[in-house]
Amino acid sequence: MPLLLTITVVTGAVDAVSILRLGHVFVANMTGNVVFLGFALAGAAGFSVSASLVALGAFLSGAAIGGRVLTSAPQRLLARAATSEAVLCGAAAGVAATASGTTARYAITVLLAVAMGLQNAAARSLAIPDLTTTVVTLTLTGLAADAPDVSSPNSHTLRRTTAVIAILAGAVAGAILVLHTSAAWALGSAALCLAAVAVLGHRLIGRAAPPT
C-alpha cells in the first residue's frame, strides 16, 4: 500500500505539470480529457482537439501495453510498472529541460500519458480497493456514502482518506515545483519517486523469493 500511495502522489504531480505547462490537457485523468475534448469541439477558447486526442491515444496505448506486458505477481508487476514509468517521466523531464514549443509539449504529453496508462493498467490488475492511483471520484463517493470504519483493521475510510490526501499532496508539490522552479524539476522529482518505488519493489521481490 505505501508504494501505491507513492505512485498516487506522483499522479498529482504529473497532472499539475500537464495542466500548468501543457495547456488544458490531462495525462492521468482521462475523464477530464474527454470533457476538455467536448469543450474543444464546441469551440471553447484555450482547448485543443489535437492535444486531447493525443493524450487519450497515448494513454490508451500505455494501458494496452500494460495490460499485455505487466502480467505477473503483484510485487513484480508494481516494480515493473514503476520502472517503466520512471524511464518515461525521466525522458519527459529531459525534453522539458532541453526543448520548448509545440513539438516539445506534445512529446511530453505522449510520454506522460503512456506512463499513466501503464500505471492504470497495473493498478487495475492489482485491484486494491480504493487505490486506483489516478482518480478519486469513487473514493470520495465511498467516503460520503459508506459508514465510517476507522477502527477496522482494514479500514476503507482510512485507505480512502489517505488516497485523497496523496493525490492532493502530489498536486500541491508538483504545482510548487512548476511555479517556482520548472516543469523539468517537477518531472524529475516524479521520476525519482518512481525509481524509489521500483527499487523497493524489486527488493521486496528478492525477500519473497524462496531460498535456493
Protein backbone atom coordinates (compact mmCIF):
# COMPACT_ATOMS: atom_id res chain seq x y z
CA MET A 1 0.00 0.00 0.00
CA PRO A 2 2.74 2.58 0.76
CA LEU A 3 4.22 2.04 -2.70
CA LEU A 4 0.84 2.55 -4.37
CA LEU A 5 0.32 5.71 -2.32
CA THR A 6 3.68 7.00 -3.54
CA ILE A 7 2.59 6.39 -7.11
CA THR A 8 -0.65 8.23 -6.33
CA VAL A 9 1.38 11.24 -5.15
CA VAL A 10 3.24 11.13 -8.46
CA THR A 11 -0.09 11.25 -10.32
CA GLY A 12 -0.97 14.54 -8.66
CA ALA A 13 2.42 15.99 -9.54
CA VAL A 14 2.28 14.84 -13.14
CA ASP A 15 -1.19 16.26 -13.72
CA ALA A 16 -0.03 19.52 -12.14
CA VAL A 17 2.63 19.71 -14.85
CA SER A 18 0.17 18.83 -17.61
CA ILE A 19 -2.41 21.45 -16.62
CA LEU A 20 0.01 24.23 -15.73
CA ARG A 21 2.53 23.77 -18.54
CA LEU A 22 0.99 21.64 -21.29
CA GLY A 23 -2.24 23.60 -21.65
CA HIS A 24 -5.74 22.35 -20.99
CA VAL A 25 -4.91 18.66 -21.09
CA PHE A 26 -4.69 15.88 -18.53
CA VAL A 27 -2.27 12.97 -18.81
CA ALA A 28 -3.70 10.86 -15.98
CA ASN A 29 -7.35 11.89 -15.60
CA MET A 30 -8.98 10.79 -18.84
CA THR A 31 -12.45 11.83 -17.70
CA GLY A 32 -11.15 15.38 -17.68
CA ASN A 33 -9.68 14.92 -21.15
CA VAL A 34 -12.95 13.69 -22.59
CA VAL A 35 -14.66 16.76 -21.12
CA PHE A 36 -11.91 19.04 -22.47
CA LEU A 37 -12.31 17.41 -25.87
CA GLY A 38 -16.00 18.24 -25.73
CA PHE A 39 -15.15 21.87 -24.92
CA ALA A 40 -12.71 22.00 -27.83
CA LEU A 41 -15.23 20.51 -30.26
CA ALA A 42 -17.72 23.15 -29.12
CA GLY A 43 -15.20 25.86 -29.99
CA ALA A 44 -14.27 26.97 -26.45
CA ALA A 45 -11.12 29.09 -26.38
CA GLY A 46 -7.99 27.58 -24.85
CA PHE A 47 -8.90 23.95 -25.52
CA SER A 48 -7.33 21.83 -28.25
CA VAL A 49 -8.90 18.88 -30.04
CA SER A 50 -5.49 17.57 -31.10
CA ALA A 51 -3.96 17.86 -27.61
CA SER A 52 -6.86 15.98 -26.02
CA LEU A 53 -6.80 13.28 -28.71
CA VAL A 54 -3.02 12.86 -28.41
CA ALA A 55 -3.29 12.45 -24.64
CA LEU A 56 -6.17 9.99 -24.96
CA GLY A 57 -4.40 7.97 -27.64
CA ALA A 58 -1.13 7.83 -25.71
CA PHE A 59 -2.94 6.84 -22.50
CA LEU A 60 -4.79 4.04 -24.28
CA SER A 61 -1.53 2.84 -25.82
CA GLY A 62 0.11 2.74 -22.40
CA ALA A 63 -2.85 0.89 -20.92
CA ALA A 64 -2.83 -1.61 -23.80
CA ILE A 65 0.90 -2.25 -23.35
CA GLY A 66 0.49 -2.55 -19.60
CA GLY A 67 -2.40 -4.96 -19.91
CA ARG A 68 -0.36 -7.29 -22.07
CA VAL A 69 3.13 -6.91 -20.60
CA LEU A 70 2.51 -6.32 -16.90
CA THR A 71 1.15 -9.76 -16.11
CA SER A 72 2.93 -11.26 -13.12
CA ALA A 73 2.82 -11.49 -9.33
CA PRO A 74 1.66 -8.27 -7.64
CA GLN A 75 5.06 -7.15 -6.31
CA ARG A 76 6.81 -7.89 -9.60
CA LEU A 77 4.03 -6.17 -11.55
CA LEU A 78 4.29 -3.00 -9.45
CA ALA A 79 8.08 -2.94 -9.70
CA ARG A 80 7.98 -3.32 -13.48
CA ALA A 81 5.32 -0.66 -13.85
CA ALA A 82 7.24 1.80 -11.65
CA THR A 83 10.44 1.14 -13.59
CA SER A 84 8.74 1.84 -16.91
CA GLU A 85 7.09 4.97 -15.53
CA ALA A 86 10.36 6.25 -14.10
CA VAL A 87 12.01 5.94 -17.51
CA LEU A 88 9.13 7.71 -19.26
CA CYS A 89 8.91 10.52 -16.68
CA GLY A 90 12.68 10.91 -16.80
CA ALA A 91 12.53 11.22 -20.58
CA ALA A 92 9.75 13.80 -20.25
CA ALA A 93 11.89 15.75 -17.77
CA GLY A 94 14.73 15.69 -20.27
CA VAL A 95 12.51 17.07 -23.01
CA ALA A 96 11.17 19.76 -20.68
CA ALA A 97 14.70 20.80 -19.73
CA THR A 98 16.10 20.96 -23.25
CA ALA A 99 13.28 21.92 -25.60
CA SER A 100 10.24 24.17 -25.86
CA GLY A 101 7.38 24.88 -28.22
CA THR A 102 4.52 22.81 -29.56
CA THR A 103 6.56 19.74 -30.52
CA ALA A 104 8.10 19.54 -27.06
CA ARG A 105 4.68 19.89 -25.40
CA TYR A 106 3.25 17.07 -27.48
CA ALA A 107 6.29 14.88 -26.80
CA ILE A 108 5.94 15.41 -23.05
CA THR A 109 2.20 14.74 -23.26
CA VAL A 110 2.78 11.44 -25.06
CA LEU A 111 5.48 10.27 -22.64
CA LEU A 112 3.45 11.11 -19.55
CA ALA A 113 0.15 9.78 -20.86
CA VAL A 114 1.77 6.46 -21.82
CA ALA A 115 3.24 6.28 -18.30
CA MET A 116 -0.14 6.95 -16.73
CA GLY A 117 -1.79 4.35 -18.97
CA LEU A 118 0.74 1.77 -17.79
CA GLN A 119 0.09 2.82 -14.20
CA ASN A 120 -3.66 2.43 -14.57
CA ALA A 121 -3.28 -1.00 -16.13
CA ALA A 122 -1.08 -2.07 -13.21
CA ALA A 123 -3.48 -0.64 -10.62
CA ARG A 124 -6.39 -2.39 -12.33
CA SER A 125 -4.53 -5.72 -12.21
CA LEU A 126 -3.64 -5.24 -8.55
CA ALA A 127 -7.29 -4.36 -7.82
CA ILE A 128 -6.69 -2.93 -4.36
CA PRO A 129 -9.96 -1.32 -3.25
CA ASP A 130 -10.00 2.50 -3.20
CA LEU A 131 -6.48 2.77 -4.65
CA THR A 132 -6.88 3.40 -8.37
CA THR A 133 -3.83 5.77 -8.13
CA THR A 134 -5.16 8.32 -10.64
CA VAL A 135 -8.75 9.33 -9.85
CA VAL A 136 -10.58 9.79 -6.55
CA THR A 137 -14.20 10.37 -7.61
CA LEU A 138 -15.39 6.94 -6.49
CA THR A 139 -13.08 7.14 -3.48
CA LEU A 140 -14.77 10.35 -2.34
CA THR A 141 -18.18 8.82 -3.08
CA GLY A 142 -17.31 5.89 -0.85
CA LEU A 143 -16.22 8.20 1.94
CA ALA A 144 -19.54 10.01 1.84
CA ALA A 145 -21.85 7.07 1.12
CA ASP A 146 -20.45 4.37 3.42
CA ALA A 147 -20.45 4.31 7.20
CA PRO A 148 -17.00 5.15 8.66
CA ASP A 149 -14.96 2.11 9.75
CA VAL A 150 -11.89 3.81 11.19
CA SER A 151 -11.45 1.18 13.89
CA SER A 152 -11.47 -1.70 11.40
CA PRO A 153 -8.12 -3.47 10.76
CA ASN A 154 -8.51 -2.86 7.01
CA SER A 155 -10.35 0.42 7.24
CA HIS A 156 -11.84 1.61 3.97
CA THR A 157 -12.25 5.06 5.48
CA LEU A 158 -8.55 5.42 6.28
CA ARG A 159 -7.46 4.00 2.94
CA ARG A 160 -9.79 6.31 1.02
CA THR A 161 -8.75 9.35 3.04
CA THR A 162 -5.07 8.55 2.54
CA ALA A 163 -5.56 8.16 -1.21
CA VAL A 164 -7.24 11.56 -1.47
CA ILE A 165 -4.51 13.19 0.63
CA ALA A 166 -1.83 11.53 -1.51
CA ILE A 167 -3.11 12.88 -4.81
CA LEU A 168 -3.68 16.31 -3.23
CA ALA A 169 -0.17 16.37 -1.82
CA GLY A 170 1.25 15.42 -5.21
CA ALA A 171 -0.71 18.18 -6.93
CA VAL A 172 0.49 20.76 -4.39
CA ALA A 173 4.11 19.63 -4.62
CA GLY A 174 4.02 19.47 -8.41
CA ALA A 175 2.43 22.90 -8.69
CA ILE A 176 5.00 24.43 -6.33
CA LEU A 177 7.87 22.98 -8.35
CA VAL A 178 6.36 24.08 -11.66
CA LEU A 179 5.57 27.59 -10.48
CA HIS A 180 8.78 28.24 -8.56
CA THR A 181 11.35 26.14 -10.43
CA SER A 182 10.34 24.42 -13.67
CA ALA A 183 8.36 21.57 -15.18
CA ALA A 184 11.63 19.70 -15.62
CA TRP A 185 12.24 19.77 -11.87
CA ALA A 186 8.71 18.56 -11.17
CA LEU A 187 9.00 15.70 -13.65
CA GLY A 188 12.50 14.83 -12.48
CA SER A 189 11.24 14.60 -8.90
CA ALA A 190 8.38 12.37 -10.06
CA ALA A 191 10.85 10.12 -11.88
CA LEU A 192 12.98 9.82 -8.72
CA CYS A 193 9.93 8.84 -6.66
CA LEU A 194 9.01 6.20 -9.22
CA ALA A 195 12.58 4.91 -9.28
CA ALA A 196 12.46 4.56 -5.49
CA VAL A 197 9.21 2.58 -5.79
CA ALA A 198 10.83 0.35 -8.41
CA VAL A 199 13.90 -0.31 -6.24
CA LEU A 200 11.81 -1.08 -3.16
CA GLY A 201 9.51 -3.27 -5.22
CA HIS A 202 12.44 -5.29 -6.56
CA ARG A 203 13.83 -5.65 -3.03
CA LEU A 204 10.50 -6.99 -1.82
CA ILE A 205 10.58 -9.49 -4.67
CA GLY A 206 14.04 -10.61 -3.59
CA ARG A 207 12.93 -11.06 0.01
CA ALA A 208 9.86 -13.02 -1.06
CA ALA A 209 11.85 -15.33 -3.33
CA PRO A 210 12.31 -18.85 -1.90
CA PRO A 211 15.88 -19.74 -0.85
CA THR A 212 17.86 -21.82 -3.28
